[in-house]
Amino acid sequence: MIEDGKQGGKALKGDRLTTNPQVLAQLLIVFVEDFDMKDAVSKTDIANNKWVMDHDRDQALGVAAGYVNLTSSLLGYGTGCCSCCDKDAIQRILGIDEKPLLLMGVGIGDSEKPRREHHLNSNLTFPTKRKNIEVEYVTE
C-alpha cells in the first residue's frame, strides 16, 4: 500500500516516489544543465570555481523558472515544478545528453481534482512544505 503524507511519498517497495502530477501539463519545460564552456575552461578551473558555477546555475534557474511562473500566471495558466524526477529516464525519453535540473508543467489545471493528488492513485496526495516567509516593511 502506498503511504500518504510522507515527504516525497513512498512507493510500494519503499523507494522514494519520483512522480509529480503538477508536471502532467499541456506544456512541459525541461531545464537542463549545459556545460559547453568546459571546452574553454580547464578541469582545474572548473574544480576551483565549482561553487561559483553551481551558484550561478541555480540563480539563473530560479530566475528563469520564476519568469515562466509569472508569465504563465498573467496569461491565466497554472504551473507546477518537480526536481525529484528520475533524471536518467528523462534523458533517455527525451534523447538528450544534458542532465535535467527541473521539470516545469504549464497549462490549465483540472478544477475537479486537487492539484497534489497522484495521477494514478487518488488515495495518494503529495505533501506540501510549509513556507515560512517573513516580510519586513520599511517605512520612512
Protein backbone atom coordinates (compact mmCIF):
# COMPACT_ATOMS: atom_id res chain seq x y z
CA MET A 1 0.00 0.00 0.00
CA ILE A 2 1.23 3.50 -0.79
CA GLU A 3 1.67 5.67 2.28
CA ASP A 4 0.29 9.19 2.27
CA GLY A 5 1.66 12.30 3.89
CA LYS A 6 5.37 11.48 3.83
CA GLN A 7 7.85 13.74 2.15
CA GLY A 8 8.01 12.59 -1.44
CA GLY A 9 5.54 9.79 -0.71
CA LYS A 10 6.57 6.14 -0.66
CA ALA A 11 6.31 3.66 -3.46
CA LEU A 12 5.32 0.03 -2.93
CA LYS A 13 8.91 -1.15 -2.35
CA GLY A 14 9.74 1.75 -0.04
CA ASP A 15 11.56 3.63 -2.80
CA ARG A 16 11.15 7.38 -2.94
CA LEU A 17 8.28 8.34 -5.20
CA THR A 18 9.56 10.22 -8.26
CA THR A 19 6.33 11.27 -9.91
CA ASN A 20 4.57 14.59 -9.72
CA PRO A 21 1.15 15.29 -11.25
CA GLN A 22 1.89 19.01 -11.46
CA VAL A 23 4.14 18.42 -14.47
CA LEU A 24 1.48 16.49 -16.39
CA ALA A 25 0.50 19.67 -18.18
CA GLN A 26 -0.16 20.77 -21.72
CA LEU A 27 3.38 22.16 -21.87
CA LEU A 28 6.40 20.61 -20.18
CA ILE A 29 9.53 22.73 -19.89
CA VAL A 30 12.71 20.84 -19.03
CA PHE A 31 15.55 22.93 -17.65
CA VAL A 32 18.88 21.21 -18.25
CA GLU A 33 22.46 21.73 -17.17
CA ASP A 34 24.61 22.66 -20.15
CA PHE A 35 28.36 22.85 -19.68
CA ASP A 36 29.52 23.87 -23.16
CA MET A 37 32.02 26.17 -21.51
CA LYS A 38 34.00 23.19 -20.19
CA ASP A 39 35.81 23.08 -23.53
CA ALA A 40 37.03 26.63 -22.96
CA VAL A 41 37.86 26.19 -19.27
CA SER A 42 40.37 23.74 -17.82
CA LYS A 43 39.27 20.98 -15.43
CA THR A 44 41.27 22.70 -12.69
CA ASP A 45 39.38 25.96 -13.21
CA ILE A 46 36.06 24.08 -13.10
CA ALA A 47 37.06 22.34 -9.85
CA ASN A 48 38.27 25.59 -8.28
CA ASN A 49 35.15 27.50 -9.30
CA LYS A 50 32.53 24.78 -8.78
CA TRP A 51 30.72 26.66 -6.01
CA VAL A 52 30.55 29.82 -8.15
CA MET A 53 29.37 27.87 -11.19
CA ASP A 54 26.73 25.98 -9.19
CA HIS A 55 25.58 29.21 -7.55
CA ASP A 56 25.29 30.98 -10.91
CA ARG A 57 23.45 27.99 -12.41
CA ASP A 58 20.98 27.81 -9.53
CA GLN A 59 20.39 31.55 -9.62
CA ALA A 60 19.77 31.50 -13.39
CA LEU A 61 17.43 28.53 -12.99
CA GLY A 62 15.45 30.33 -10.29
CA VAL A 63 15.11 33.48 -12.38
CA ALA A 64 14.05 31.51 -15.47
CA ALA A 65 11.50 29.37 -13.56
CA GLY A 66 10.18 32.47 -11.80
CA TYR A 67 9.75 34.24 -15.12
CA VAL A 68 7.86 31.25 -16.58
CA ASN A 69 5.68 31.13 -13.45
CA LEU A 70 4.86 34.86 -13.56
CA THR A 71 4.22 34.95 -17.30
CA SER A 72 2.06 31.83 -17.16
CA SER A 73 0.04 33.25 -14.29
CA LEU A 74 -0.51 36.54 -16.14
CA LEU A 75 -1.82 34.52 -19.09
CA GLY A 76 -4.18 32.55 -16.85
CA TYR A 77 -2.27 29.28 -16.72
CA GLY A 78 -1.09 27.25 -13.75
CA THR A 79 2.38 25.88 -13.18
CA GLY A 80 3.94 23.05 -11.23
CA CYS A 81 7.55 22.07 -10.68
CA CYS A 82 9.40 18.85 -9.96
CA SER A 83 13.10 18.30 -9.36
CA CYS A 84 12.82 14.83 -7.80
CA CYS A 85 12.47 13.06 -11.14
CA ASP A 86 14.38 10.08 -12.50
CA LYS A 87 16.92 12.15 -14.40
CA ASP A 88 18.36 9.19 -16.32
CA ALA A 89 14.89 8.18 -17.53
CA ILE A 90 14.10 11.76 -18.58
CA GLN A 91 17.34 11.90 -20.57
CA ARG A 92 16.53 8.59 -22.24
CA ILE A 93 12.94 9.54 -23.07
CA LEU A 94 13.91 12.94 -24.49
CA GLY A 95 17.08 11.67 -26.15
CA ILE A 96 19.23 14.40 -24.60
CA ASP A 97 22.77 14.36 -23.23
CA GLU A 98 22.27 17.08 -20.61
CA LYS A 99 21.10 16.34 -17.07
CA PRO A 100 17.63 17.73 -16.31
CA LEU A 101 17.60 20.09 -13.34
CA LEU A 102 13.91 20.98 -13.16
CA LEU A 103 10.67 19.95 -14.84
CA MET A 104 8.02 22.64 -15.07
CA GLY A 105 4.49 22.00 -16.28
CA VAL A 106 2.41 24.86 -17.65
CA GLY A 107 -1.25 24.52 -18.50
CA ILE A 108 -4.86 24.51 -17.48
CA GLY A 109 -5.46 22.53 -14.30
CA ASP A 110 -8.34 20.15 -13.64
CA SER A 111 -10.57 22.11 -11.26
CA GLU A 112 -12.34 18.87 -10.25
CA LYS A 113 -9.17 17.35 -8.81
CA PRO A 114 -6.83 18.51 -6.01
CA ARG A 115 -3.58 19.71 -7.58
CA ARG A 116 -1.43 17.45 -5.38
CA GLU A 117 -3.44 14.27 -6.00
CA HIS A 118 -1.44 11.48 -7.64
CA HIS A 119 -2.47 10.96 -11.25
CA LEU A 120 -2.75 7.15 -10.93
CA ASN A 121 -3.77 6.72 -7.28
CA SER A 122 -6.44 9.09 -5.95
CA ASN A 123 -5.70 7.86 -2.40
CA LEU A 124 -2.26 9.49 -2.53
CA THR A 125 -1.98 13.22 -2.02
CA PHE A 126 1.50 14.65 -2.25
CA PRO A 127 2.62 16.55 0.85
CA THR A 128 3.37 20.23 0.79
CA LYS A 129 6.08 22.08 2.61
CA ARG A 130 5.08 24.93 4.86
CA LYS A 131 6.77 28.09 3.69
CA ASN A 132 7.92 30.45 6.38
CA ILE A 133 8.35 33.75 4.61
CA GLU A 134 8.91 36.87 6.62
CA VAL A 135 8.38 40.27 5.08
CA GLU A 136 9.74 43.36 6.74
CA TYR A 137 8.27 46.65 5.57
CA VAL A 138 10.46 49.68 5.94
CA THR A 139 8.62 52.99 6.05
CA GLU A 140 10.29 56.33 6.44
